[in-house]
Amino acid sequence: MLGFLFKRVLPWVLIVIAVPMMEGMIRRLVRAVLRHAVAKPAVKALRRADSTVTDVSRRASRTVRR
């Protein structure tokens, strides 16, 4: 009985359950990668702007101290 279960039924049960789950996980992974790829230039621009603002504020605080 267990031999029949493991040889015939269990693979089909795994296919019926695992394939849709894997498909959903792959879709989420692809969406995350695409979202990250699209956001990457924007993140770089924001980091550049942040570092520029930080540099300007540091220069301003140095001139006030003097």
PDB file of N, CA and C in Angstrom:
ATOM      1  N   MET A   1       0.829  -1.204   0.000  1.00  0.00           N
ATOM      2  CA  MET A   1       0.000   0.000   0.000  1.00  0.00           C
ATOM      3  C   MET A   1       0.865   1.257   0.000  1.00  0.00           C
ATOM      4  N   LEU A   2       1.863   1.287   0.904  1.00  0.00           N
ATOM      5  CA  LEU A   2       2.732   2.462   0.943  1.00  0.00           C
ATOM      6  C   LEU A   2       3.564   2.595  -0.325  1.00  0.00           C
ATOM      7  N   GLY A   3       3.954   1.464  -0.876  1.00  0.00           N
ATOM      8  CA  GLY A   3       4.692   1.491  -2.135  1.00  0.00           C
ATOM      9  C   GLY A   3       3.868   2.139  -3.234  1.00  0.00           C
ATOM     10  N   PHE A   4       2.599   1.772  -3.323  1.00  0.00           N
ATOM     11  CA  PHE A   4       1.706   2.378  -4.309  1.00  0.00           C
ATOM     12  C   PHE A   4       1.557   3.875  -4.052  1.00  0.00           C
ATOM     13  N   LEU A   5       1.404   4.218  -2.786  1.00  0.00           N
ATOM     14  CA  LEU A   5       1.235   5.621  -2.431  1.00  0.00           C
ATOM     15  C   LEU A   5       2.447   6.446  -2.849  1.00  0.00           C
ATOM     16  N   PHE A   6       3.625   5.971  -2.529  1.00  0.00           N
ATOM     17  CA  PHE A   6       4.828   6.738  -2.829  1.00  0.00           C
ATOM     18  C   PHE A   6       5.181   6.726  -4.309  1.00  0.00           C
ATOM     19  N   LYS A   7       4.860   5.651  -4.998  1.00  0.00           N
ATOM     20  CA  LYS A   7       5.222   5.565  -6.413  1.00  0.00           C
ATOM     21  C   LYS A   7       4.224   6.263  -7.323  1.00  0.00           C
ATOM     22  N   ARG A   8       2.968   6.204  -7.010  1.00  0.00           N
ATOM     23  CA  ARG A   8       1.937   6.690  -7.941  1.00  0.00           C
ATOM     24  C   ARG A   8       1.237   7.977  -7.496  1.00  0.00           C
ATOM     25  N   VAL A   9       0.819   8.022  -6.272  1.00  0.00           N
ATOM     26  CA  VAL A   9      -0.045   9.119  -5.819  1.00  0.00           C
ATOM     27  C   VAL A   9       0.759  10.313  -5.323  1.00  0.00           C
ATOM     28  N   LEU A  10       1.781  10.062  -4.544  1.00  0.00           N
ATOM     29  CA  LEU A  10       2.540  11.152  -3.933  1.00  0.00           C
ATOM     30  C   LEU A  10       3.146  12.112  -4.959  1.00  0.00           C
ATOM     31  N   PRO A  11       3.739  11.627  -6.044  1.00  0.00           N
ATOM     32  CA  PRO A  11       4.256  12.580  -7.037  1.00  0.00           C
ATOM     33  C   PRO A  11       3.170  13.490  -7.612  1.00  0.00           C
ATOM     34  N   TRP A  12       1.993  12.943  -7.843  1.00  0.00           N
ATOM     35  CA  TRP A  12       0.917  13.775  -8.378  1.00  0.00           C
ATOM     36  C   TRP A  12       0.443  14.804  -7.352  1.00  0.00           C
ATOM     37  N   VAL A  13       0.390  14.391  -6.107  1.00  0.00           N
ATOM     38  CA  VAL A  13      -0.007  15.332  -5.051  1.00  0.00           C
ATOM     39  C   VAL A  13       1.022  16.457  -4.958  1.00  0.00           C
ATOM     40  N   LEU A  14       2.295  16.101  -5.009  1.00  0.00           N
ATOM     41  CA  LEU A  14       3.339  17.124  -4.972  1.00  0.00           C
ATOM     42  C   LEU A  14       3.255  18.056  -6.174  1.00  0.00           C
ATOM     43  N   ILE A  15       2.987  17.499  -7.338  1.00  0.00           N
ATOM     44  CA  ILE A  15       2.869  18.333  -8.538  1.00  0.00           C
ATOM     45  C   ILE A  15       1.679  19.281  -8.414  1.00  0.00           C
ATOM     46  N   VAL A  16       0.571  18.757  -7.936  1.00  0.00           N
ATOM     47  CA  VAL A  16      -0.635  19.578  -7.814  1.00  0.00           C
ATOM     48  C   VAL A  16      -0.438  20.707  -6.807  1.00  0.00           C
ATOM     49  N   ILE A  17       0.322  20.471  -5.756  1.00  0.00           N
ATOM     50  CA  ILE A  17       0.520  21.486  -4.714  1.00  0.00           C
ATOM     51  C   ILE A  17       1.753  22.338  -4.987  1.00  0.00           C
ATOM     52  N   ALA A  18       2.859  21.714  -5.356  1.00  0.00           N
ATOM     53  CA  ALA A  18       4.130  22.428  -5.455  1.00  0.00           C
ATOM     54  C   ALA A  18       4.215  23.330  -6.685  1.00  0.00           C
ATOM     55  N   VAL A  19       3.685  22.892  -7.805  1.00  0.00           N
ATOM     56  CA  VAL A  19       3.823  23.680  -9.033  1.00  0.00           C
ATOM     57  C   VAL A  19       3.125  25.042  -8.906  1.00  0.00           C
ATOM     58  N   PRO A  20       1.878  25.112  -8.449  1.00  0.00           N
ATOM     59  CA  PRO A  20       1.270  26.444  -8.287  1.00  0.00           C
ATOM     60  C   PRO A  20       1.999  27.323  -7.262  1.00  0.00           C
ATOM     61  N   MET A  21       2.504  26.695  -6.196  1.00  0.00           N
ATOM     62  CA  MET A  21       3.244  27.479  -5.204  1.00  0.00           C
ATOM     63  C   MET A  21       4.528  28.032  -5.796  1.00  0.00           C
ATOM     64  N   MET A  22       5.242  27.207  -6.540  1.00  0.00           N
ATOM     65  CA  MET A  22       6.485  27.659  -7.167  1.00  0.00           C
ATOM     66  C   MET A  22       6.208  28.742  -8.201  1.00  0.00           C
ATOM     67  N   GLU A  23       5.116  28.595  -8.932  1.00  0.00           N
ATOM     68  CA  GLU A  23       4.755  29.602  -9.926  1.00  0.00           C
ATOM     69  C   GLU A  23       4.504  30.951  -9.259  1.00  0.00           C
ATOM     70  N   GLY A  24       3.792  30.936  -8.149  1.00  0.00           N
ATOM     71  CA  GLY A  24       3.540  32.179  -7.419  1.00  0.00           C
ATOM     72  C   GLY A  24       4.812  32.788  -6.863  1.00  0.00           C
ATOM     73  N   MET A  25       5.695  31.942  -6.356  1.00  0.00           N
ATOM     74  CA  MET A  25       6.960  32.448  -5.819  1.00  0.00           C
ATOM     75  C   MET A  25       7.827  33.029  -6.931  1.00  0.00           C
ATOM     76  N   ILE A  26       7.837  32.392  -8.079  1.00  0.00           N
ATOM     77  CA  ILE A  26       8.623  32.912  -9.207  1.00  0.00           C
ATOM     78  C   ILE A  26       8.057  34.240  -9.689  1.00  0.00           C
ATOM     79  N   ARG A  27       6.739  34.363  -9.732  1.00  0.00           N
ATOM     80  CA  ARG A  27       6.134  35.648 -10.121  1.00  0.00           C
ATOM     81  C   ARG A  27       6.540  36.757  -9.164  1.00  0.00           C
ATOM     82  N   ARG A  28       6.484  36.474  -7.861  1.00  0.00           N
ATOM     83  CA  ARG A  28       6.876  37.483  -6.873  1.00  0.00           C
ATOM     84  C   ARG A  28       8.339  37.861  -7.022  1.00  0.00           C
ATOM     85  N   LEU A  29       9.171  36.877  -7.270  1.00  0.00           N
ATOM     86  CA  LEU A  29      10.594  37.139  -7.458  1.00  0.00           C
ATOM     87  C   LEU A  29      10.837  38.014  -8.679  1.00  0.00           C
ATOM     88  N   VAL A  30      10.164  37.716  -9.769  1.00  0.00           N
ATOM     89  CA  VAL A  30      10.322  38.515 -10.987  1.00  0.00           C
ATOM     90  C   VAL A  30       9.843  39.945 -10.754  1.00  0.00           C
ATOM     91  N   ARG A  31       8.719  40.095 -10.091  1.00  0.00           N
ATOM     92  CA  ARG A  31       8.216  41.446  -9.799  1.00  0.00           C
ATOM     93  C   ARG A  31       9.190  42.222  -8.932  1.00  0.00           C
ATOM     94  N   ALA A  32       9.765  41.563  -7.935  1.00  0.00           N
ATOM     95  CA  ALA A  32      10.723  42.237  -7.060  1.00  0.00           C
ATOM     96  C   ALA A  32      11.965  42.648  -7.824  1.00  0.00           C
ATOM     97  N   VAL A  33      12.440  41.782  -8.703  1.00  0.00           N
ATOM     98  CA  VAL A  33      13.627  42.105  -9.493  1.00  0.00           C
ATOM     99  C   VAL A  33      13.336  43.273 -10.430  1.00  0.00           C
ATOM    100  N   LEU A  34      12.187  43.238 -11.075  1.00  0.00           N
ATOM    101  CA  LEU A  34      11.837  44.334 -11.980  1.00  0.00           C
ATOM    102  C   LEU A  34      11.649  45.639 -11.220  1.00  0.00           C
ATOM    103  N   ARG A  35      11.020  45.569 -10.069  1.00  0.00           N
ATOM    104  CA  ARG A  35      10.818  46.765  -9.265  1.00  0.00           C
ATOM    105  C   ARG A  35      12.169  47.337  -8.827  1.00  0.00           C
ATOM    106  N   HIS A  36      13.062  46.463  -8.441  1.00  0.00           N
ATOM    107  CA  HIS A  36      14.396  46.896  -8.009  1.00  0.00           C
ATOM    108  C   HIS A  36      15.178  47.487  -9.175  1.00  0.00           C
ATOM    109  N   ALA A  37      15.064  46.862 -10.342  1.00  0.00           N
ATOM    110  CA  ALA A  37      15.788  47.341 -11.516  1.00  0.00           C
ATOM    111  C   ALA A  37      15.280  48.710 -11.947  1.00  0.00           C
ATOM    112  N   VAL A  38      13.979  48.937 -11.833  1.00  0.00           N
ATOM    113  CA  VAL A  38      13.407  50.225 -12.219  1.00  0.00           C
ATOM    114  C   VAL A  38      13.773  51.293 -11.196  1.00  0.00           C
ATOM    115  N   ALA A  39      13.800  50.938  -9.933  1.00  0.00           N
ATOM    116  CA  ALA A  39      14.050  51.910  -8.874  1.00  0.00           C
ATOM    117  C   ALA A  39      15.531  52.254  -8.734  1.00  0.00           C
ATOM    118  N   LYS A  40      16.396  51.454  -9.296  1.00  0.00           N
ATOM    119  CA  LYS A  40      17.822  51.652  -9.085  1.00  0.00           C
ATOM    120  C   LYS A  40      18.314  53.026  -9.543  1.00  0.00           C
ATOM    121  N   PRO A  41      17.959  53.510 -10.745  1.00  0.00           N
ATOM    122  CA  PRO A  41      18.405  54.856 -11.124  1.00  0.00           C
ATOM    123  C   PRO A  41      17.853  55.949 -10.207  1.00  0.00           C
ATOM    124  N   ALA A  42      16.630  55.778  -9.771  1.00  0.00           N
ATOM    125  CA  ALA A  42      16.042  56.771  -8.872  1.00  0.00           C
ATOM    126  C   ALA A  42      16.762  56.788  -7.529  1.00  0.00           C
ATOM    127  N   VAL A  43      17.118  55.622  -7.040  1.00  0.00           N
ATOM    128  CA  VAL A  43      17.837  55.537  -5.767  1.00  0.00           C
ATOM    129  C   VAL A  43      19.205  56.195  -5.891  1.00  0.00           C
ATOM    130  N   LYS A  44      19.888  55.954  -7.003  1.00  0.00           N
ATOM    131  CA  LYS A  44      21.193  56.579  -7.206  1.00  0.00           C
ATOM    132  C   LYS A  44      21.065  58.102  -7.239  1.00  0.00           C
ATOM    133  N   ALA A  45      20.046  58.589  -7.908  1.00  0.00           N
ATOM    134  CA  ALA A  45      19.846  60.043  -7.986  1.00  0.00           C
ATOM    135  C   ALA A  45      19.549  60.620  -6.603  1.00  0.00           C
ATOM    136  N   LEU A  46      18.737  59.933  -5.828  1.00  0.00           N
ATOM    137  CA  LEU A  46      18.429  60.417  -4.484  1.00  0.00           C
ATOM    138  C   LEU A  46      19.665  60.408  -3.593  1.00  0.00           C
ATOM    139  N   ARG A  47      20.496  59.388  -3.727  1.00  0.00           N
ATOM    140  CA  ARG A  47      21.720  59.351  -2.922  1.00  0.00           C
ATOM    141  C   ARG A  47      22.655  60.488  -3.307  1.00  0.00           C
ATOM    142  N   ARG A  48      22.762  60.767  -4.602  1.00  0.00           N
ATOM    143  CA  ARG A  48      23.609  61.886  -5.036  1.00  0.00           C
ATOM    144  C   ARG A  48      23.080  63.205  -4.486  1.00  0.00           C
ATOM    145  N   ALA A  49      21.772  63.391  -4.569  1.00  0.00           N
ATOM    146  CA  ALA A  49      21.184  64.623  -4.061  1.00  0.00           C
ATOM    147  C   ALA A  49      21.385  64.733  -2.553  1.00  0.00           C
ATOM    148  N   ASP A  50      21.243  63.635  -1.851  1.00  0.00           N
ATOM    149  CA  ASP A  50      21.427  63.646  -0.404  1.00  0.00           C
ATOM    150  C   ASP A  50      22.865  63.997  -0.055  1.00  0.00           C
ATOM    151  N   SER A  51      23.825  63.411  -0.760  1.00  0.00           N
ATOM    152  CA  SER A  51      25.217  63.722  -0.448  1.00  0.00           C
ATOM    153  C   SER A  51      25.542  65.171  -0.782  1.00  0.00           C
ATOM    154  N   THR A  52      24.948  65.709  -1.842  1.00  0.00           N
ATOM    155  CA  THR A  52      25.171  67.112  -2.200  1.00  0.00           C
ATOM    156  C   THR A  52      24.618  68.032  -1.121  1.00  0.00           C
ATOM    157  N   VAL A  53      23.417  67.751  -0.668  1.00  0.00           N
ATOM    158  CA  VAL A  53      22.805  68.573   0.383  1.00  0.00           C
ATOM    159  C   VAL A  53      23.622  68.472   1.666  1.00  0.00           C
ATOM    160  N   THR A  54      24.097  67.289   1.982  1.00  0.00           N
ATOM    161  CA  THR A  54      24.912  67.113   3.183  1.00  0.00           C
ATOM    162  C   THR A  54      26.208  67.907   3.082  1.00  0.00           C
ATOM    163  N   ASP A  55      26.854  67.860   1.918  1.00  0.00           N
ATOM    164  CA  ASP A  55      28.091  68.624   1.732  1.00  0.00           C
ATOM    165  C   ASP A  55      27.857  70.118   1.880  1.00  0.00           C
ATOM    166  N   VAL A  56      26.794  70.617   1.297  1.00  0.00           N
ATOM    167  CA  VAL A  56      26.493  72.049   1.384  1.00  0.00           C
ATOM    168  C   VAL A  56      26.207  72.450   2.824  1.00  0.00           C
ATOM    169  N   SER A  57      25.465  71.628   3.537  1.00  0.00           N
ATOM    170  CA  SER A  57      25.151  71.984   4.925  1.00  0.00           C
ATOM    171  C   SER A  57      26.401  71.933   5.798  1.00  0.00           C
ATOM    172  N   ARG A  58      27.311  71.022   5.521  1.00  0.00           N
ATOM    173  CA  ARG A  58      28.555  70.975   6.288  1.00  0.00           C
ATOM    174  C   ARG A  58      29.399  72.216   6.017  1.00  0.00           C
ATOM    175  N   ARG A  59      29.479  72.621   4.757  1.00  0.00           N
ATOM    176  CA  ARG A  59      30.228  73.838   4.423  1.00  0.00           C
ATOM    177  C   ARG A  59      29.618  75.055   5.101  1.00  0.00           C
ATOM    178  N   ALA A  60      28.302  75.124   5.106  1.00  0.00           N
ATOM    179  CA  ALA A  60      27.631  76.250   5.721  1.00  0.00           C
ATOM    180  C   ALA A  60      27.902  76.281   7.235  1.00  0.00           C
ATOM    181  N   SER A  61      27.884  75.126   7.856  1.00  0.00           N
ATOM    182  CA  SER A  61      28.115  75.101   9.301  1.00  0.00           C
ATOM    183  C   SER A  61      29.568  75.455   9.622  1.00  0.00           C
ATOM    184  N   ARG A  62      30.503  75.118   8.732  1.00  0.00           N
ATOM    185  CA  ARG A  62      31.898  75.501   8.957  1.00  0.00           C
ATOM    186  C   ARG A  62      32.087  77.002   8.862  1.00  0.00           C
ATOM    187  N   THR A  63      31.409  77.624   7.894  1.00  0.00           N
ATOM    188  CA  THR A  63      31.569  79.077   7.741  1.00  0.00           C
ATOM    189  C   THR A  63      30.935  79.822   8.913  1.00  0.00           C
ATOM    190  N   VAL A  64      29.866  79.293   9.480  1.00  0.00           N
ATOM    191  CA  VAL A  64      29.220  79.929  10.627  1.00  0.00           C
ATOM    192  C   VAL A  64      30.119  79.832  11.854  1.00  0.00           C
ATOM    193  N   ARG A  65      30.821  78.749  12.022  1.00  0.00           N
ATOM    194  CA  ARG A  65      31.694  78.556  13.172  1.00  0.00           C
ATOM    195  C   ARG A  65      32.862  79.532  13.129  1.00  0.00           C
ATOM    196  N   ARG A  66      33.331  79.856  11.945  1.00  0.00           N
ATOM    197  CA  ARG A  66      34.515  80.725  11.840  1.00  0.00           C
ATOM    198  C   ARG A  66      34.130  82.117  12.132  1.00  0.00           C
TER     199      ARG A  66
END
